[in-house]
N, C-alpha and C. Protein backbone atom coordinates (compact mmCIF):
# COMPACT_ATOMS: atom_id res chain seq x y z
N MET A 1 94.39 117.48 87.72
CA MET A 1 94.87 116.32 88.45
C MET A 1 93.87 115.18 88.26
N LYS A 2 94.38 114.02 87.96
CA LYS A 2 93.56 112.83 87.81
C LYS A 2 93.51 112.07 89.13
N PHE A 3 92.46 111.28 89.28
CA PHE A 3 92.30 110.46 90.49
C PHE A 3 93.49 109.53 90.67
N LYS A 4 93.97 108.97 89.56
CA LYS A 4 95.13 108.06 89.58
C LYS A 4 96.35 108.75 90.19
N ASP A 5 96.54 110.03 89.86
CA ASP A 5 97.68 110.77 90.40
C ASP A 5 97.53 111.02 91.90
N ALA A 6 96.30 111.28 92.35
CA ALA A 6 96.05 111.50 93.78
C ALA A 6 96.33 110.23 94.58
N ILE A 7 96.06 109.08 93.99
CA ILE A 7 96.36 107.81 94.64
C ILE A 7 97.86 107.53 94.58
N GLU A 8 98.46 107.78 93.43
CA GLU A 8 99.88 107.49 93.24
C GLU A 8 100.77 108.28 94.19
N ILE A 9 100.45 109.55 94.41
CA ILE A 9 101.29 110.39 95.27
C ILE A 9 101.20 109.94 96.73
N ALA A 10 100.13 109.24 97.09
CA ALA A 10 99.97 108.73 98.46
C ALA A 10 100.80 107.48 98.71
N ARG A 11 101.32 106.87 97.66
CA ARG A 11 102.09 105.63 97.75
C ARG A 11 101.33 104.58 98.56
N PRO A 12 100.25 104.07 97.99
CA PRO A 12 99.35 103.18 98.72
C PRO A 12 100.00 101.89 99.23
N ILE A 13 101.01 101.39 98.55
CA ILE A 13 101.67 100.16 99.01
C ILE A 13 102.37 100.42 100.35
N ASN A 14 103.06 101.56 100.46
CA ASN A 14 103.72 101.90 101.72
C ASN A 14 102.69 102.08 102.83
N CYS A 15 101.61 102.76 102.53
CA CYS A 15 100.55 102.98 103.52
C CYS A 15 99.91 101.66 103.93
N LEU A 16 99.73 100.77 102.98
CA LEU A 16 99.13 99.47 103.26
C LEU A 16 99.98 98.64 104.21
N MET A 17 101.29 98.68 104.04
CA MET A 17 102.18 97.91 104.91
C MET A 17 102.06 98.39 106.35
N GLY A 18 102.04 99.69 106.56
CA GLY A 18 101.88 100.21 107.92
C GLY A 18 100.51 99.92 108.48
N ALA A 19 99.48 100.02 107.66
CA ALA A 19 98.11 99.76 108.12
C ALA A 19 97.94 98.30 108.53
N ILE A 20 98.63 97.40 107.85
CA ILE A 20 98.58 95.99 108.24
C ILE A 20 99.20 95.80 109.62
N SER A 21 100.24 96.58 109.93
CA SER A 21 100.83 96.47 111.27
C SER A 21 99.85 96.93 112.34
N VAL A 22 98.96 97.87 112.02
CA VAL A 22 97.92 98.28 112.95
C VAL A 22 96.98 97.11 113.22
N ILE A 23 96.60 96.40 112.18
CA ILE A 23 95.72 95.24 112.34
C ILE A 23 96.38 94.18 113.23
N ILE A 24 97.65 93.90 112.98
CA ILE A 24 98.37 92.91 113.78
C ILE A 24 98.43 93.35 115.24
N GLY A 25 98.70 94.63 115.47
CA GLY A 25 98.74 95.13 116.83
C GLY A 25 97.41 95.01 117.54
N LEU A 26 96.33 95.33 116.83
CA LEU A 26 95.00 95.21 117.43
C LEU A 26 94.66 93.76 117.74
N LEU A 27 94.98 92.86 116.84
CA LEU A 27 94.67 91.45 117.07
C LEU A 27 95.47 90.88 118.24
N ASN A 28 96.66 91.41 118.49
CA ASN A 28 97.48 90.94 119.60
C ASN A 28 97.08 91.54 120.94
N THR A 29 96.43 92.69 120.94
CA THR A 29 96.15 93.36 122.21
C THR A 29 94.68 93.35 122.61
N ARG A 30 93.78 93.15 121.70
CA ARG A 30 92.34 93.16 122.02
C ARG A 30 91.86 91.75 122.31
N LEU A 31 92.24 91.24 123.47
CA LEU A 31 91.96 89.84 123.79
C LEU A 31 90.53 89.59 124.23
N ASP A 32 89.96 90.52 124.98
CA ASP A 32 88.64 90.29 125.58
C ASP A 32 87.62 91.27 125.01
N VAL A 33 87.64 91.44 123.71
CA VAL A 33 86.76 92.40 123.06
C VAL A 33 85.86 91.66 122.10
N SER A 34 84.60 92.08 122.03
CA SER A 34 83.66 91.42 121.13
C SER A 34 84.09 91.60 119.67
N PHE A 35 83.58 90.73 118.82
CA PHE A 35 83.94 90.79 117.41
C PHE A 35 83.53 92.12 116.78
N GLU A 36 82.34 92.63 117.14
CA GLU A 36 81.87 93.89 116.56
C GLU A 36 82.80 95.03 116.92
N ARG A 37 83.19 95.10 118.18
CA ARG A 37 84.09 96.16 118.64
C ARG A 37 85.45 96.03 117.97
N LEU A 38 85.94 94.80 117.86
CA LEU A 38 87.23 94.56 117.21
C LEU A 38 87.17 94.96 115.74
N ALA A 39 86.08 94.64 115.06
CA ALA A 39 85.93 94.99 113.65
C ALA A 39 85.94 96.51 113.46
N ILE A 40 85.25 97.22 114.35
CA ILE A 40 85.24 98.69 114.27
C ILE A 40 86.64 99.24 114.50
N ASN A 41 87.34 98.71 115.52
CA ASN A 41 88.70 99.16 115.81
C ASN A 41 89.63 98.89 114.63
N ILE A 42 89.50 97.73 114.03
CA ILE A 42 90.36 97.39 112.89
C ILE A 42 90.08 98.31 111.71
N LEU A 43 88.81 98.48 111.39
CA LEU A 43 88.46 99.33 110.24
C LEU A 43 88.93 100.77 110.45
N LEU A 44 88.57 101.34 111.60
CA LEU A 44 88.95 102.73 111.84
C LEU A 44 90.46 102.89 112.02
N GLY A 45 91.10 101.93 112.67
CA GLY A 45 92.56 101.99 112.83
C GLY A 45 93.28 101.89 111.50
N PHE A 46 92.82 100.97 110.65
CA PHE A 46 93.41 100.79 109.32
C PHE A 46 93.29 102.07 108.50
N LEU A 47 92.07 102.60 108.43
CA LEU A 47 91.84 103.80 107.62
C LEU A 47 92.57 105.03 108.18
N THR A 48 92.59 105.15 109.51
CA THR A 48 93.29 106.27 110.13
C THR A 48 94.77 106.24 109.77
N TYR A 49 95.40 105.09 109.97
CA TYR A 49 96.82 104.99 109.64
C TYR A 49 97.05 105.26 108.16
N PHE A 50 96.24 104.64 107.32
CA PHE A 50 96.42 104.78 105.88
C PHE A 50 96.36 106.24 105.45
N LEU A 51 95.36 106.98 105.95
CA LEU A 51 95.18 108.37 105.53
C LEU A 51 96.27 109.28 106.09
N ILE A 52 96.65 109.08 107.34
CA ILE A 52 97.69 109.94 107.91
C ILE A 52 99.04 109.63 107.27
N ALA A 53 99.31 108.37 106.99
CA ALA A 53 100.54 108.02 106.29
C ALA A 53 100.53 108.60 104.87
N ALA A 54 99.39 108.55 104.21
CA ALA A 54 99.28 109.13 102.86
C ALA A 54 99.56 110.63 102.90
N SER A 55 99.06 111.31 103.93
CA SER A 55 99.34 112.75 104.03
C SER A 55 100.83 112.98 104.23
N GLY A 56 101.50 112.10 104.98
CA GLY A 56 102.94 112.21 105.14
C GLY A 56 103.69 112.01 103.84
N MET A 57 103.22 111.10 103.01
CA MET A 57 103.85 110.87 101.70
C MET A 57 103.70 112.10 100.81
N VAL A 58 102.53 112.70 100.86
CA VAL A 58 102.26 113.87 100.01
C VAL A 58 103.13 115.05 100.44
N ILE A 59 103.17 115.34 101.75
CA ILE A 59 103.95 116.49 102.20
C ILE A 59 105.44 116.26 102.00
N ASN A 60 105.87 115.00 102.05
CA ASN A 60 107.26 114.68 101.74
C ASN A 60 107.57 115.03 100.29
N ASP A 61 106.66 114.69 99.38
CA ASP A 61 106.88 115.04 97.97
C ASP A 61 106.88 116.54 97.75
N VAL A 62 106.09 117.27 98.53
CA VAL A 62 106.06 118.73 98.39
C VAL A 62 107.41 119.32 98.80
N TYR A 63 107.95 118.86 99.93
CA TYR A 63 109.21 119.42 100.41
C TYR A 63 110.43 118.90 99.65
N ASP A 64 110.34 117.73 99.05
CA ASP A 64 111.47 117.15 98.33
C ASP A 64 111.35 117.31 96.82
N ILE A 65 110.63 118.31 96.37
CA ILE A 65 110.41 118.46 94.93
C ILE A 65 111.72 118.63 94.15
N GLU A 66 112.65 119.40 94.66
CA GLU A 66 113.91 119.62 93.95
C GLU A 66 114.73 118.33 93.87
N ILE A 67 114.75 117.58 94.94
CA ILE A 67 115.48 116.31 94.95
C ILE A 67 114.79 115.30 94.03
N ASP A 68 113.44 115.29 94.08
CA ASP A 68 112.69 114.34 93.24
C ASP A 68 112.81 114.66 91.75
N LYS A 69 113.04 115.93 91.41
CA LYS A 69 113.24 116.27 89.99
C LYS A 69 114.47 115.56 89.44
N ILE A 70 115.45 115.32 90.30
CA ILE A 70 116.68 114.65 89.87
C ILE A 70 116.58 113.14 90.06
N ASN A 71 116.19 112.71 91.28
CA ASN A 71 116.23 111.28 91.63
C ASN A 71 114.97 110.51 91.25
N ARG A 72 113.81 111.15 91.31
CA ARG A 72 112.53 110.47 91.03
C ARG A 72 111.66 111.33 90.10
N PRO A 73 112.09 111.55 88.88
CA PRO A 73 111.31 112.41 87.98
C PRO A 73 109.96 111.81 87.56
N GLU A 74 109.75 110.53 87.85
CA GLU A 74 108.48 109.88 87.47
C GLU A 74 107.37 110.12 88.47
N ARG A 75 107.68 110.70 89.62
CA ARG A 75 106.64 110.99 90.63
C ARG A 75 105.73 112.10 90.12
N PRO A 76 104.50 112.16 90.64
CA PRO A 76 103.49 113.08 90.10
C PRO A 76 103.86 114.57 90.11
N ILE A 77 104.48 115.06 91.16
CA ILE A 77 104.81 116.50 91.20
C ILE A 77 105.93 116.84 90.22
N PRO A 78 107.06 116.12 90.23
CA PRO A 78 108.12 116.46 89.27
C PRO A 78 107.72 116.31 87.80
N ARG A 79 106.85 115.36 87.51
CA ARG A 79 106.45 115.19 86.10
C ARG A 79 105.35 116.16 85.70
N GLY A 80 104.78 116.87 86.67
CA GLY A 80 103.81 117.92 86.37
C GLY A 80 102.35 117.51 86.35
N SER A 81 102.04 116.30 86.75
CA SER A 81 100.64 115.89 86.74
C SER A 81 99.88 116.39 87.97
N ILE A 82 100.61 116.80 89.01
CA ILE A 82 100.01 117.44 90.19
C ILE A 82 100.81 118.69 90.50
N THR A 83 100.11 119.80 90.69
CA THR A 83 100.79 121.05 91.04
C THR A 83 101.07 121.07 92.54
N LEU A 84 101.91 121.99 92.97
CA LEU A 84 102.21 122.11 94.39
C LEU A 84 100.95 122.46 95.18
N MET A 85 100.11 123.33 94.64
CA MET A 85 98.87 123.69 95.34
C MET A 85 97.94 122.50 95.47
N GLN A 86 97.81 121.71 94.42
CA GLN A 86 96.98 120.51 94.48
C GLN A 86 97.53 119.51 95.49
N ALA A 87 98.84 119.39 95.55
CA ALA A 87 99.46 118.48 96.52
C ALA A 87 99.20 118.95 97.95
N LYS A 88 99.28 120.24 98.18
CA LYS A 88 99.00 120.77 99.52
C LYS A 88 97.54 120.54 99.90
N ILE A 89 96.64 120.68 98.96
CA ILE A 89 95.22 120.42 99.22
C ILE A 89 95.01 118.93 99.52
N LEU A 90 95.69 118.06 98.76
CA LEU A 90 95.61 116.62 99.03
C LEU A 90 96.13 116.30 100.42
N PHE A 91 97.24 116.94 100.80
CA PHE A 91 97.79 116.72 102.14
C PHE A 91 96.76 117.07 103.20
N ILE A 92 96.13 118.23 103.06
CA ILE A 92 95.13 118.66 104.04
C ILE A 92 93.95 117.70 104.06
N MET A 93 93.50 117.26 102.89
CA MET A 93 92.36 116.34 102.83
C MET A 93 92.69 115.01 103.50
N TYR A 94 93.83 114.41 103.14
CA TYR A 94 94.20 113.12 103.72
C TYR A 94 94.38 113.26 105.24
N PHE A 95 95.08 114.31 105.65
CA PHE A 95 95.36 114.49 107.08
C PHE A 95 94.09 114.73 107.88
N CYS A 96 93.22 115.59 107.40
CA CYS A 96 91.98 115.89 108.12
C CYS A 96 91.06 114.67 108.19
N CYS A 97 90.98 113.92 107.11
CA CYS A 97 90.16 112.69 107.13
C CYS A 97 90.73 111.68 108.13
N GLY A 98 92.05 111.55 108.18
CA GLY A 98 92.68 110.65 109.14
C GLY A 98 92.43 111.08 110.58
N LEU A 99 92.55 112.39 110.84
CA LEU A 99 92.27 112.90 112.18
C LEU A 99 90.81 112.71 112.56
N PHE A 100 89.92 112.92 111.61
CA PHE A 100 88.49 112.72 111.88
C PHE A 100 88.20 111.28 112.28
N LEU A 101 88.76 110.33 111.53
CA LEU A 101 88.53 108.92 111.85
C LEU A 101 89.15 108.55 113.19
N SER A 102 90.29 109.14 113.50
CA SER A 102 90.92 108.90 114.80
C SER A 102 90.02 109.41 115.93
N ALA A 103 89.49 110.60 115.76
CA ALA A 103 88.59 111.17 116.77
C ALA A 103 87.31 110.36 116.88
N LEU A 104 86.80 109.89 115.75
CA LEU A 104 85.59 109.07 115.75
C LEU A 104 85.81 107.78 116.55
N ASN A 105 86.95 107.14 116.35
CA ASN A 105 87.27 105.92 117.09
C ASN A 105 87.36 106.22 118.59
N THR A 106 87.96 107.33 118.94
CA THR A 106 88.08 107.71 120.35
C THR A 106 86.72 108.00 120.96
N ILE A 107 85.86 108.68 120.21
CA ILE A 107 84.51 108.99 120.71
C ILE A 107 83.73 107.71 120.94
N ILE A 108 83.79 106.79 119.99
CA ILE A 108 83.07 105.53 120.14
C ILE A 108 83.58 104.78 121.37
N PHE A 109 84.90 104.78 121.56
CA PHE A 109 85.49 104.08 122.70
C PHE A 109 85.07 104.72 124.02
N ASN A 110 84.99 106.03 124.06
CA ASN A 110 84.70 106.74 125.31
C ASN A 110 83.22 106.83 125.64
N LEU A 111 82.34 106.42 124.75
CA LEU A 111 80.91 106.47 125.06
C LEU A 111 80.54 105.60 126.25
N ASN A 112 81.15 104.43 126.37
CA ASN A 112 80.88 103.57 127.52
C ASN A 112 81.34 104.23 128.81
N ILE A 113 82.48 104.87 128.78
CA ILE A 113 82.98 105.56 129.98
C ILE A 113 82.04 106.70 130.34
N LEU A 114 81.61 107.46 129.35
CA LEU A 114 80.68 108.56 129.59
C LEU A 114 79.37 108.04 130.17
N ASN A 115 78.87 106.95 129.64
CA ASN A 115 77.64 106.34 130.14
C ASN A 115 77.80 105.95 131.61
N PHE A 116 78.94 105.37 131.95
CA PHE A 116 79.21 104.96 133.33
C PHE A 116 79.24 106.18 134.26
N VAL A 117 79.93 107.25 133.86
CA VAL A 117 80.04 108.45 134.69
C VAL A 117 78.67 109.10 134.88
N LEU A 118 77.93 109.26 133.79
CA LEU A 118 76.61 109.89 133.90
C LEU A 118 75.66 109.06 134.76
N ALA A 119 75.70 107.76 134.62
CA ALA A 119 74.84 106.91 135.43
C ALA A 119 75.21 107.00 136.91
N SER A 120 76.50 107.10 137.19
CA SER A 120 76.94 107.23 138.59
C SER A 120 76.47 108.56 139.18
N ILE A 121 76.56 109.62 138.41
CA ILE A 121 76.08 110.93 138.87
C ILE A 121 74.57 110.89 139.07
N PHE A 122 73.86 110.28 138.13
CA PHE A 122 72.40 110.15 138.24
C PHE A 122 72.03 109.41 139.52
N ARG A 123 72.78 108.38 139.86
CA ARG A 123 72.49 107.60 141.06
C ARG A 123 72.70 108.43 142.32
N LYS A 124 73.71 109.29 142.32
CA LYS A 124 73.96 110.14 143.48
C LYS A 124 72.89 111.22 143.62
N LEU A 125 72.48 111.79 142.49
CA LEU A 125 71.51 112.88 142.52
C LEU A 125 70.09 112.40 142.80
N PHE A 126 69.74 111.23 142.30
CA PHE A 126 68.38 110.71 142.43
C PHE A 126 68.40 109.30 143.02
N PRO A 127 68.69 109.19 144.32
CA PRO A 127 68.82 107.85 144.91
C PRO A 127 67.53 107.04 144.85
N PHE A 128 66.38 107.70 144.81
CA PHE A 128 65.11 106.98 144.74
C PHE A 128 64.91 106.32 143.39
N ARG A 129 65.67 106.70 142.40
CA ARG A 129 65.59 106.08 141.08
C ARG A 129 66.85 105.24 140.82
N SER A 130 67.33 104.61 141.85
CA SER A 130 68.60 103.90 141.73
C SER A 130 68.52 102.70 140.79
N ASN A 131 67.34 102.11 140.61
CA ASN A 131 67.23 100.97 139.70
C ASN A 131 67.61 101.37 138.27
N ILE A 132 67.21 102.57 137.86
CA ILE A 132 67.55 103.05 136.51
C ILE A 132 69.05 103.27 136.41
N SER A 133 69.64 103.90 137.43
CA SER A 133 71.07 104.17 137.37
C SER A 133 71.88 102.88 137.44
N ILE A 134 71.42 101.92 138.23
CA ILE A 134 72.12 100.63 138.28
C ILE A 134 72.04 99.94 136.92
N LEU A 135 70.91 100.03 136.28
CA LEU A 135 70.77 99.46 134.94
C LEU A 135 71.75 100.13 133.96
N LEU A 136 71.84 101.45 134.01
CA LEU A 136 72.75 102.17 133.13
C LEU A 136 74.20 101.82 133.42
N ILE A 137 74.55 101.73 134.70
CA ILE A 137 75.92 101.37 135.06
C ILE A 137 76.23 99.96 134.58
N TYR A 138 75.31 99.03 134.82
CA TYR A 138 75.54 97.66 134.37
C TYR A 138 75.69 97.60 132.85
N GLU A 139 74.85 98.37 132.16
CA GLU A 139 74.92 98.39 130.69
C GLU A 139 76.28 98.89 130.23
N SER A 140 76.79 99.93 130.86
CA SER A 140 78.08 100.46 130.43
C SER A 140 79.21 99.50 130.78
N LEU A 141 79.06 98.74 131.85
CA LEU A 141 80.11 97.80 132.24
C LEU A 141 80.05 96.50 131.44
N SER A 142 78.92 96.18 130.88
CA SER A 142 78.79 94.91 130.20
C SER A 142 79.16 94.95 128.73
N LYS A 143 79.36 96.13 128.16
CA LYS A 143 79.68 96.25 126.74
C LYS A 143 81.12 96.69 126.57
N ASP A 144 82.02 95.81 126.33
CA ASP A 144 83.40 96.13 125.98
C ASP A 144 83.94 97.30 126.76
N PHE A 145 83.65 97.33 128.01
CA PHE A 145 84.18 98.38 128.87
C PHE A 145 85.69 98.24 128.87
N PRO A 146 86.43 99.33 128.87
CA PRO A 146 87.89 99.23 128.73
C PRO A 146 88.57 98.54 129.91
N PHE A 147 87.87 98.34 131.02
CA PHE A 147 88.45 97.67 132.17
C PHE A 147 87.63 96.42 132.49
N PRO A 148 87.86 95.32 131.77
CA PRO A 148 87.01 94.15 131.91
C PRO A 148 87.03 93.56 133.32
N SER A 149 88.09 93.78 134.09
CA SER A 149 88.11 93.23 135.44
C SER A 149 87.11 93.93 136.34
N LEU A 150 86.59 95.09 135.92
CA LEU A 150 85.60 95.80 136.70
C LEU A 150 84.17 95.42 136.31
N ARG A 151 84.01 94.56 135.32
CA ARG A 151 82.67 94.13 134.94
C ARG A 151 82.04 93.39 136.12
N PRO A 152 80.74 93.52 136.30
CA PRO A 152 80.09 92.89 137.45
C PRO A 152 80.34 91.39 137.56
N GLN A 153 80.32 90.66 136.45
CA GLN A 153 80.52 89.22 136.53
C GLN A 153 81.94 88.87 136.95
N ASN A 154 82.90 89.75 136.69
CA ASN A 154 84.28 89.46 137.07
C ASN A 154 84.58 89.91 138.50
N ILE A 155 83.88 90.92 138.98
CA ILE A 155 84.06 91.37 140.35
C ILE A 155 83.56 90.30 141.31
N SER A 156 82.38 89.75 141.02
CA SER A 156 81.79 88.75 141.93
C SER A 156 82.59 87.45 141.95
N SER A 157 83.22 87.10 140.85
CA SER A 157 83.98 85.84 140.81
C SER A 157 85.42 86.03 141.24
N GLY A 158 85.90 87.28 141.30
CA GLY A 158 87.28 87.53 141.66
C GLY A 158 88.26 87.12 140.58
N ARG A 159 87.77 86.92 139.36
CA ARG A 159 88.57 86.45 138.25
C ARG A 159 89.45 87.60 137.70
N GLN A 160 90.69 87.34 137.39
CA GLN A 160 91.58 88.31 136.79
C GLN A 160 91.43 88.24 135.28
N VAL A 161 91.16 89.38 134.66
CA VAL A 161 90.98 89.44 133.21
C VAL A 161 91.97 90.45 132.65
N PRO A 162 92.71 90.09 131.60
CA PRO A 162 93.68 91.05 131.04
C PRO A 162 92.95 92.25 130.45
N CYS A 163 93.50 93.42 130.67
CA CYS A 163 92.91 94.66 130.15
C CYS A 163 93.27 94.80 128.68
N PRO A 164 92.31 95.05 127.79
CA PRO A 164 92.58 95.10 126.35
C PRO A 164 93.18 96.42 125.88
N LEU A 165 93.57 97.31 126.75
CA LEU A 165 94.10 98.60 126.31
C LEU A 165 95.53 98.49 125.89
């Protein structure tokens, strides 16, 4: 199997169209998010969609091999440039990479929440060290926290801020 065939079976143009819709969705919904956070979301969202869609294209070609032999003989599996086993391995690779990137994005997003929870527990367990826990809580609330209306500066002003979720 050639690298060109592994790309061709993924149908990158179809994957690209869907991945662009992810970018549009993120730009429309992430109103109060820093540029760095938005860039990470766009990159990971784009790649996640692209890889999972590519895995769907590959597994579709595996299951439609008999139909593709008649209707689309130029595709990699019917023309023989990729075997069924190689296609199944490509499916697993694309799918697992997409799931990994999805989990990575979720972990990055949830780190602020975890920081907030741990700091709150620390404050309850060690009240004499409350300055450290308040610092940790403030830090978790000040960095692209998923609930911007709960940020300290917005609580004190009573300002309503749209939630970027």
